[in-house]
Amino acid sequence: MPERSPRGTDIPRLTWAEVCARRLERHGLTGGAGHADPVRAVAAMAGTHAQVPGAAELAIGLRTEGATRSDVRAALWTERDLVRTFGLRGTVHLFPAADLPLWVAALSAVPQPPNNGFPENVRMTPDQTEAVVAAVADALAEAEEGLTVDELSEEVVARTGPWAGDLVMPAFQTKWPRWRQAMHLAGIRGHLCFGPNRGRKVTYTSPARFLPGDVGTTDRRAGLSHVVAAYLHAYGPSTPKRFAHWLGAPVRWAEEVFAALGDGLEQVDVEGRTAWVTAGDTAPATAAPDSVHLLPHFDGYAYRVGNQPPELLYPGRAAERVLPGNFQPLLLDGAVAGLWHHRRSGRFLDVTVECLTPLTRSRRDELAHRADRVGEILEATPRLTLGPVSVGGHA
């Protein structure tokens, strides 16, 4: 599917500013457009990256009217309306618990890369991979409470064989057992999710045990339709290539998924480039993208991975200063215009913002308001400083 719009075609046209406005509004980042609760905010983001729990709490809080990190934690661990598990790209995400069967159906349909890039002495055979996934599923289904990773490892090795416990996977200056290269597959297939911490230790449990309601399976086509629609609503207009990058899927497979949806999708033009939206979803945002925002780690990464070419999302100096690293981005009118860092010190939160473009007095006032909101979400008193960010990006 070409990215350049054919000349003379009569298709809806959107400017980059209109695309930014739509995305900000749908993410709940436009003034007065915040979502009613954390679950709706996560749904509107098509899942929230949650490798770092604090970053996910901030990302959701920024999109939810009046919410703090305590509200996000309650939705996850008390009401259990959110679930933390392995999702797109094999990374940890939050999803609405009610939507988990749809995500499992869609993610299970994504072709997995052979060998996952591991050397021969580390990788598992397809049969070994399936044995590990089955062992994880059985162990968690039988455990009345969640298992720590060490407890789960003992169960997997006991159910498969000593080879699964070989310490061969390089990980954070140590070695993990061989079986853990398939751990994300157990999550993607709906056999594993995170449970409440046991002290400082992470636990894993079975979604069927942990979540309310029915978390059974659903049709793959229904799952893919849901995920494509959620993605295009949050990050569209977009292309199969960008969808593949966001999902962690082969481009040709993504093209086939888009083609199979047929009339359910519609072409639009974004400043000379062809992109797709859900059919009929061409209305502009209700307000211009005239705003300042502070996005946390991985939220900015998702904002980038989700859609537009870097030359549009990272204009000017942002391409050199912010794009290469996983920094917390400063958004100006929906595009990256700087970076920021925060550090907690007792009840205070020191917020440093490095602007790459001059700010008017009104924009400085708005930035101070955004810093106050960050402090409110993280339940601390913010102290704002404008100046260089000296720390590196997140690993």
Protein backbone atom coordinates (compact mmCIF):
# COMPACT_ATOMS: atom_id res chain seq x y z
CA MET A 1 0.00 0.00 0.00
CA PRO A 2 1.67 3.26 -1.08
CA GLU A 3 2.28 6.09 1.36
CA ARG A 4 2.17 8.80 -1.30
CA SER A 5 -1.32 9.95 -2.16
CA PRO A 6 -2.24 9.53 -5.85
CA ARG A 7 -2.82 12.89 -7.47
CA GLY A 8 -6.33 13.79 -8.49
CA THR A 9 -8.03 11.34 -6.13
CA ASP A 10 -11.01 12.59 -4.19
CA ILE A 11 -10.16 11.53 -0.66
CA PRO A 12 -10.44 13.45 2.63
CA ARG A 13 -7.42 15.63 3.39
CA LEU A 14 -5.95 16.42 6.79
CA THR A 15 -3.06 18.66 7.75
CA TRP A 16 -0.42 17.61 10.25
CA ALA A 17 -1.82 20.17 12.72
CA GLU A 18 -5.27 18.57 12.38
CA VAL A 19 -3.77 15.13 12.99
CA CYS A 20 -2.07 16.41 16.15
CA ALA A 21 -5.32 17.97 17.34
CA ARG A 22 -7.24 14.71 16.81
CA ARG A 23 -4.67 12.66 18.68
CA LEU A 24 -4.43 15.06 21.63
CA GLU A 25 -8.20 15.15 21.93
CA ARG A 26 -8.66 11.40 21.72
CA HIS A 27 -5.91 10.79 24.24
CA GLY A 28 -7.70 13.12 26.66
CA LEU A 29 -4.87 15.64 26.59
CA THR A 30 -6.91 18.56 25.28
CA GLY A 31 -8.30 20.90 27.92
CA GLY A 32 -11.63 19.57 29.20
CA ALA A 33 -11.32 16.33 27.22
CA GLY A 34 -9.90 14.14 29.99
CA HIS A 35 -11.43 10.68 30.36
CA ALA A 36 -13.82 9.82 33.18
CA ASP A 37 -11.74 7.01 34.68
CA PRO A 38 -8.41 5.17 34.20
CA VAL A 39 -10.01 2.29 32.30
CA ARG A 40 -11.37 4.59 29.61
CA ALA A 41 -8.03 6.38 29.39
CA VAL A 42 -6.18 3.10 28.80
CA ALA A 43 -8.73 2.04 26.17
CA ALA A 44 -8.32 5.40 24.41
CA MET A 45 -4.54 4.85 24.25
CA ALA A 46 -4.98 1.35 22.76
CA GLY A 47 -3.10 0.03 25.78
CA THR A 48 -0.59 1.76 28.04
CA HIS A 49 3.09 0.83 28.13
CA ALA A 50 3.76 -0.36 31.70
CA GLN A 51 7.32 -1.61 31.90
CA VAL A 52 7.82 1.09 34.54
CA PRO A 53 4.66 1.20 36.70
CA GLY A 54 5.18 4.81 37.78
CA ALA A 55 5.40 5.98 34.17
CA ALA A 56 2.16 4.17 33.32
CA GLU A 57 0.43 5.72 36.33
CA LEU A 58 1.48 9.18 35.19
CA ALA A 59 0.50 8.55 31.56
CA ILE A 60 -2.99 7.45 32.64
CA GLY A 61 -3.38 10.20 35.22
CA LEU A 62 -2.59 12.87 32.63
CA ARG A 63 -5.51 11.61 30.55
CA THR A 64 -8.03 11.17 33.38
CA GLU A 65 -9.91 14.02 35.01
CA GLY A 66 -8.71 14.50 38.59
CA ALA A 67 -7.06 11.07 38.90
CA THR A 68 -3.93 10.32 40.91
CA ARG A 69 -1.64 7.32 40.93
CA SER A 70 -3.75 5.87 43.76
CA ASP A 71 -6.77 5.79 41.43
CA VAL A 72 -4.78 3.91 38.79
CA ARG A 73 -3.54 1.42 41.36
CA ALA A 74 -7.08 0.87 42.63
CA ALA A 75 -8.32 0.14 39.10
CA LEU A 76 -5.49 -2.35 38.63
CA TRP A 77 -5.25 -4.14 41.96
CA THR A 78 -8.54 -3.51 43.80
CA GLU A 79 -11.32 -3.28 41.21
CA ARG A 80 -9.16 -5.27 38.74
CA ASP A 81 -10.72 -3.40 35.83
CA LEU A 82 -7.23 -3.07 34.36
CA VAL A 83 -4.76 -5.89 33.78
CA ARG A 84 -0.96 -5.73 33.51
CA THR A 85 0.47 -8.30 31.13
CA PHE A 86 2.70 -8.81 28.11
CA GLY A 87 1.25 -7.14 25.03
CA LEU A 88 2.30 -5.56 21.77
CA ARG A 89 5.96 -5.97 20.84
CA GLY A 90 6.19 -8.50 23.68
CA THR A 91 6.48 -5.65 26.20
CA VAL A 92 4.53 -5.05 29.40
CA HIS A 93 1.26 -3.12 28.93
CA LEU A 94 -1.96 -2.30 30.73
CA PHE A 95 -5.27 -3.17 29.04
CA PRO A 96 -8.89 -2.91 30.12
CA ALA A 97 -9.69 -6.30 31.68
CA ALA A 98 -12.92 -6.51 29.70
CA ASP A 99 -10.97 -6.20 26.44
CA LEU A 100 -8.32 -8.80 27.29
CA PRO A 101 -9.89 -11.62 25.21
CA LEU A 102 -9.85 -9.35 22.14
CA TRP A 103 -6.20 -8.41 22.68
CA VAL A 104 -5.24 -12.04 23.28
CA ALA A 105 -6.98 -13.09 20.05
CA ALA A 106 -5.23 -10.37 18.05
CA LEU A 107 -1.76 -10.75 19.57
CA SER A 108 -1.90 -14.53 19.24
CA ALA A 109 -2.42 -14.04 15.49
CA VAL A 110 0.80 -12.05 15.06
CA PRO A 111 3.56 -14.19 13.46
CA GLN A 112 6.45 -14.63 15.88
CA PRO A 113 10.01 -14.08 14.63
CA PRO A 114 12.10 -17.27 14.42
CA ASN A 115 14.54 -17.74 17.31
CA ASN A 116 13.74 -14.28 18.73
CA GLY A 117 17.25 -13.19 17.76
CA PHE A 118 18.94 -15.46 20.32
CA PRO A 119 22.13 -17.40 19.47
CA GLU A 120 21.86 -21.14 18.94
CA ASN A 121 23.11 -22.07 22.41
CA VAL A 122 20.31 -19.97 23.99
CA ARG A 123 17.24 -20.53 21.82
CA MET A 124 14.59 -23.19 22.24
CA THR A 125 13.03 -25.43 19.63
CA PRO A 126 9.37 -24.83 18.69
CA ASP A 127 8.39 -27.91 20.71
CA GLN A 128 10.30 -26.65 23.75
CA THR A 129 8.66 -23.25 23.43
CA GLU A 130 5.20 -24.80 23.41
CA ALA A 131 6.14 -27.00 26.37
CA VAL A 132 7.18 -23.93 28.37
CA VAL A 133 3.99 -22.02 27.54
CA ALA A 134 1.90 -25.04 28.59
CA ALA A 135 3.91 -25.41 31.81
CA VAL A 136 3.41 -21.74 32.70
CA ALA A 137 -0.31 -22.02 32.00
CA ASP A 138 -0.71 -25.14 34.13
CA ALA A 139 1.39 -23.85 37.03
CA LEU A 140 -0.49 -20.56 37.30
CA ALA A 141 -3.89 -22.20 36.86
CA GLU A 142 -3.15 -24.45 39.84
CA ALA A 143 -1.64 -21.76 42.10
CA GLU A 144 -4.21 -20.23 44.45
CA GLU A 145 -1.98 -17.18 44.89
CA GLY A 146 0.48 -15.60 42.50
CA LEU A 147 3.95 -17.05 42.01
CA THR A 148 7.19 -15.10 42.09
CA VAL A 149 9.45 -15.55 39.09
CA ASP A 150 11.67 -17.93 41.07
CA GLU A 151 8.68 -20.02 42.14
CA LEU A 152 7.36 -20.06 38.58
CA SER A 153 10.80 -21.06 37.32
CA GLU A 154 10.86 -24.06 39.65
CA GLU A 155 7.44 -25.13 38.38
CA VAL A 156 8.42 -24.77 34.72
CA VAL A 157 11.65 -26.75 35.12
CA ALA A 158 9.84 -29.48 37.06
CA ARG A 159 7.21 -29.77 34.31
CA THR A 160 9.55 -29.61 31.29
CA GLY A 161 13.10 -30.62 32.16
CA PRO A 162 16.46 -29.29 33.40
CA TRP A 163 17.18 -27.66 30.01
CA ALA A 164 14.53 -25.03 30.76
CA GLY A 165 16.50 -23.85 33.78
CA ASP A 166 19.87 -23.43 32.07
CA LEU A 167 21.19 -19.94 32.89
CA VAL A 168 21.94 -18.82 29.34
CA MET A 169 19.93 -15.63 28.72
CA PRO A 170 21.93 -12.40 29.17
CA ALA A 171 19.86 -10.00 31.30
CA PHE A 172 20.91 -6.92 33.29
CA GLN A 173 24.45 -8.11 34.14
CA THR A 174 23.21 -11.57 35.08
CA LYS A 175 21.79 -14.67 33.37
CA TRP A 176 18.17 -15.78 33.24
CA PRO A 177 17.00 -19.39 32.76
CA ARG A 178 16.35 -20.47 29.19
CA TRP A 179 12.57 -20.76 29.58
CA ARG A 180 12.09 -17.04 30.16
CA GLN A 181 12.52 -16.26 26.47
CA ALA A 182 8.99 -17.66 26.06
CA MET A 183 7.48 -15.91 29.08
CA HIS A 184 5.95 -13.12 27.01
CA LEU A 185 4.19 -15.71 24.82
CA ALA A 186 2.35 -17.04 27.87
CA GLY A 187 1.08 -13.51 28.48
CA ILE A 188 0.19 -12.85 24.85
CA ARG A 189 -1.83 -16.07 24.76
CA GLY A 190 -3.76 -15.19 27.90
CA HIS A 191 -2.18 -17.66 30.35
CA LEU A 192 -0.26 -15.17 32.48
CA CYS A 193 -0.69 -11.68 33.93
CA PHE A 194 0.92 -9.75 36.76
CA GLY A 195 -0.48 -10.08 40.26
CA PRO A 196 0.01 -7.80 43.27
CA ASN A 197 3.58 -7.56 44.54
CA ARG A 198 4.55 -9.79 47.44
CA GLY A 199 6.59 -7.30 49.38
CA ARG A 200 9.11 -6.07 46.80
CA LYS A 201 8.78 -9.16 44.63
CA VAL A 202 6.69 -9.21 41.44
CA THR A 203 4.18 -12.03 41.16
CA TYR A 204 2.44 -13.66 38.19
CA THR A 205 -0.97 -15.25 38.13
CA SER A 206 -3.61 -16.66 35.79
CA PRO A 207 -6.00 -14.07 34.29
CA ALA A 208 -8.82 -16.59 34.67
CA ARG A 209 -8.16 -16.65 38.43
CA PHE A 210 -7.35 -12.98 38.95
CA LEU A 211 -9.79 -11.03 36.80
CA PRO A 212 -13.53 -10.61 37.30
CA GLY A 213 -15.93 -11.90 34.68
CA ASP A 214 -15.28 -14.15 31.71
CA VAL A 215 -11.80 -13.96 30.19
CA GLY A 216 -12.39 -16.73 27.67
CA THR A 217 -11.25 -16.78 24.08
CA THR A 218 -12.69 -14.88 21.15
CA ASP A 219 -12.43 -15.04 17.37
CA ARG A 220 -9.12 -13.83 15.91
CA ARG A 221 -10.84 -11.73 13.26
CA ALA A 222 -12.87 -9.98 15.94
CA GLY A 223 -9.72 -9.41 17.94
CA LEU A 224 -7.80 -7.97 14.99
CA SER A 225 -10.70 -5.73 14.03
CA HIS A 226 -10.83 -4.40 17.59
CA VAL A 227 -7.08 -3.75 17.80
CA VAL A 228 -6.85 -2.07 14.39
CA ALA A 229 -9.82 0.16 15.23
CA ALA A 230 -8.37 1.02 18.65
CA TYR A 231 -4.99 1.79 17.09
CA LEU A 232 -6.39 3.99 14.33
CA HIS A 233 -8.63 5.85 16.78
CA ALA A 234 -5.69 6.61 19.07
CA TYR A 235 -2.87 7.09 16.54
CA GLY A 236 -4.47 7.45 13.12
CA PRO A 237 -4.44 8.28 10.36
CA SER A 238 -1.75 5.66 9.86
CA THR A 239 -0.40 2.98 7.52
CA PRO A 240 0.08 -0.79 7.65
CA LYS A 241 3.84 -0.21 7.98
CA ARG A 242 3.44 1.98 11.04
CA PHE A 243 0.83 -0.38 12.50
CA ALA A 244 3.32 -3.24 12.06
CA HIS A 245 6.02 -1.25 13.85
CA TRP A 246 3.67 -0.39 16.72
CA LEU A 247 2.41 -3.97 17.10
CA GLY A 248 5.75 -5.71 16.49
CA ALA A 249 4.52 -7.58 13.42
CA PRO A 250 5.77 -8.24 9.87
CA VAL A 251 4.80 -5.48 7.43
CA ARG A 252 3.39 -7.89 4.82
CA TRP A 253 1.16 -9.49 7.47
CA ALA A 254 -0.08 -6.03 8.55
CA GLU A 255 -0.87 -5.16 4.92
CA GLU A 256 -2.95 -8.34 4.68
CA VAL A 257 -4.81 -7.43 7.89
CA PHE A 258 -5.65 -3.96 6.55
CA ALA A 259 -6.72 -5.42 3.20
CA ALA A 260 -8.97 -8.00 4.90
CA LEU A 261 -10.85 -5.23 6.69
CA GLY A 262 -11.92 -3.90 3.27
CA ASP A 263 -14.63 -1.25 3.50
CA GLY A 264 -14.09 -1.01 7.24
CA LEU A 265 -11.14 1.28 6.51
CA GLU A 266 -10.94 4.52 4.56
CA GLN A 267 -8.03 6.30 2.89
CA VAL A 268 -7.15 9.89 3.75
CA ASP A 269 -4.40 12.26 2.67
CA VAL A 270 -2.05 13.78 5.25
CA GLU A 271 -0.01 16.47 3.52
CA GLY A 272 0.61 14.37 0.44
CA ARG A 273 0.86 10.98 2.13
CA THR A 274 -1.81 8.29 1.99
CA ALA A 275 -2.93 6.91 5.32
CA TRP A 276 -5.92 5.02 6.72
CA VAL A 277 -8.63 5.63 9.30
CA THR A 278 -11.66 3.61 10.34
CA ALA A 279 -14.37 4.19 7.73
CA GLY A 280 -16.17 7.46 8.35
CA ASP A 281 -13.71 8.65 11.00
CA THR A 282 -12.58 11.82 9.19
CA ALA A 283 -14.05 14.53 11.42
CA PRO A 284 -11.59 17.14 12.71
CA ALA A 285 -10.93 17.76 16.37
CA THR A 286 -13.12 20.26 18.17
CA ALA A 287 -10.13 22.43 19.13
CA ALA A 288 -6.74 23.40 17.68
CA PRO A 289 -3.65 21.61 19.10
CA ASP A 290 -2.70 24.77 21.04
CA SER A 291 -1.26 23.26 24.19
CA VAL A 292 1.78 22.28 26.28
CA HIS A 293 2.19 18.76 27.70
CA LEU A 294 4.70 16.79 29.75
CA LEU A 295 4.62 13.09 28.84
CA PRO A 296 6.41 10.43 30.93
CA HIS A 297 8.88 7.75 29.88
CA PHE A 298 7.51 5.23 27.36
CA ASP A 299 4.39 7.35 26.91
CA GLY A 300 6.40 9.56 24.59
CA TYR A 301 7.83 6.44 22.99
CA ALA A 302 4.34 5.11 22.31
CA TYR A 303 3.30 8.52 21.00
CA ARG A 304 6.21 8.27 18.54
CA VAL A 305 5.86 4.59 17.61
CA GLY A 306 2.13 4.93 17.13
CA ASN A 307 2.05 7.06 14.06
CA GLN A 308 3.79 9.88 12.30
CA PRO A 309 7.14 10.16 10.54
CA PRO A 310 9.86 11.51 12.85
CA GLU A 311 10.44 14.62 10.74
CA LEU A 312 6.93 15.79 11.65
CA LEU A 313 6.80 14.65 15.27
CA TYR A 314 10.39 15.72 16.06
CA PRO A 315 10.93 18.97 14.14
CA GLY A 316 14.11 21.02 14.25
CA ARG A 317 16.48 20.43 17.17
CA ALA A 318 14.17 17.81 18.70
CA ALA A 319 15.36 15.34 16.05
CA GLU A 320 18.90 15.49 17.48
CA ARG A 321 18.23 16.12 21.15
CA VAL A 322 15.18 14.00 21.97
CA LEU A 323 14.58 11.43 19.22
CA PRO A 324 17.70 9.25 19.75
CA GLY A 325 16.96 8.51 23.42
CA ASN A 326 14.02 7.41 25.53
CA PHE A 327 13.48 10.83 27.11
CA GLN A 328 10.35 12.28 28.63
CA PRO A 329 9.15 14.64 25.90
CA LEU A 330 7.76 18.14 26.14
CA LEU A 331 4.95 18.50 23.59
CA LEU A 332 4.09 21.85 22.06
CA ASP A 333 0.93 21.76 19.93
CA GLY A 334 1.27 17.98 19.61
CA ALA A 335 4.90 17.92 18.39
CA VAL A 336 8.05 17.40 20.48
CA ALA A 337 9.65 20.69 21.50
CA GLY A 338 11.90 19.64 24.38
CA LEU A 339 12.43 17.15 27.18
CA TRP A 340 12.03 16.97 30.93
CA HIS A 341 13.04 15.04 34.02
CA HIS A 342 11.57 14.65 37.49
CA ARG A 343 13.06 13.47 40.76
CA ARG A 344 11.27 12.94 44.06
CA SER A 345 12.83 14.40 47.19
CA GLY A 346 10.65 13.66 50.21
CA ARG A 347 7.29 15.34 49.65
CA PHE A 348 8.71 17.44 46.82
CA LEU A 349 9.00 16.64 43.11
CA ASP A 350 11.79 18.50 41.30
CA VAL A 351 10.75 19.01 37.66
CA THR A 352 13.37 20.21 35.17
CA VAL A 353 12.21 21.18 31.67
CA GLU A 354 14.59 21.79 28.77
CA CYS A 355 12.75 23.76 26.08
CA LEU A 356 14.16 23.70 22.57
CA THR A 357 11.96 26.54 21.38
CA PRO A 358 11.17 29.89 23.08
CA LEU A 359 8.02 29.93 25.20
CA THR A 360 5.70 32.91 25.50
CA ARG A 361 4.57 34.07 28.92
CA SER A 362 1.24 32.29 28.48
CA ARG A 363 3.02 29.07 27.46
CA ARG A 364 5.24 29.32 30.56
CA ASP A 365 2.13 29.68 32.68
CA GLU A 366 0.64 26.61 31.02
CA LEU A 367 3.86 24.68 31.57
CA ALA A 368 3.72 25.53 35.28
CA HIS A 369 0.13 24.28 35.33
CA ARG A 370 1.23 21.01 33.70
CA ALA A 371 3.98 20.59 36.28
CA ASP A 372 1.41 21.12 39.03
CA ARG A 373 -0.75 18.41 37.49
CA VAL A 374 2.20 16.00 37.38
CA GLY A 375 2.76 16.67 41.08
CA GLU A 376 -0.91 16.08 41.83
CA ILE A 377 -0.90 12.72 40.02
CA LEU A 378 2.30 11.59 41.75
CA GLU A 379 1.06 12.96 45.08
CA ALA A 380 3.95 15.35 45.64
CA THR A 381 4.61 19.11 45.61
CA PRO A 382 6.32 20.11 42.34
CA ARG A 383 9.22 22.56 42.03
CA LEU A 384 9.66 23.65 38.40
CA THR A 385 13.02 24.65 36.88
CA LEU A 386 13.67 25.64 33.27
CA GLY A 387 17.11 24.53 32.14
CA PRO A 388 19.18 21.70 30.65
CA VAL A 389 18.30 18.09 31.48
CA SER A 390 21.58 16.49 32.48
CA VAL A 391 20.46 12.87 32.90
CA GLY A 392 20.28 10.40 30.04
CA GLY A 393 17.22 8.69 28.62
CA HIS A 394 15.63 5.65 30.19
CA ALA A 395 17.09 2.26 29.26
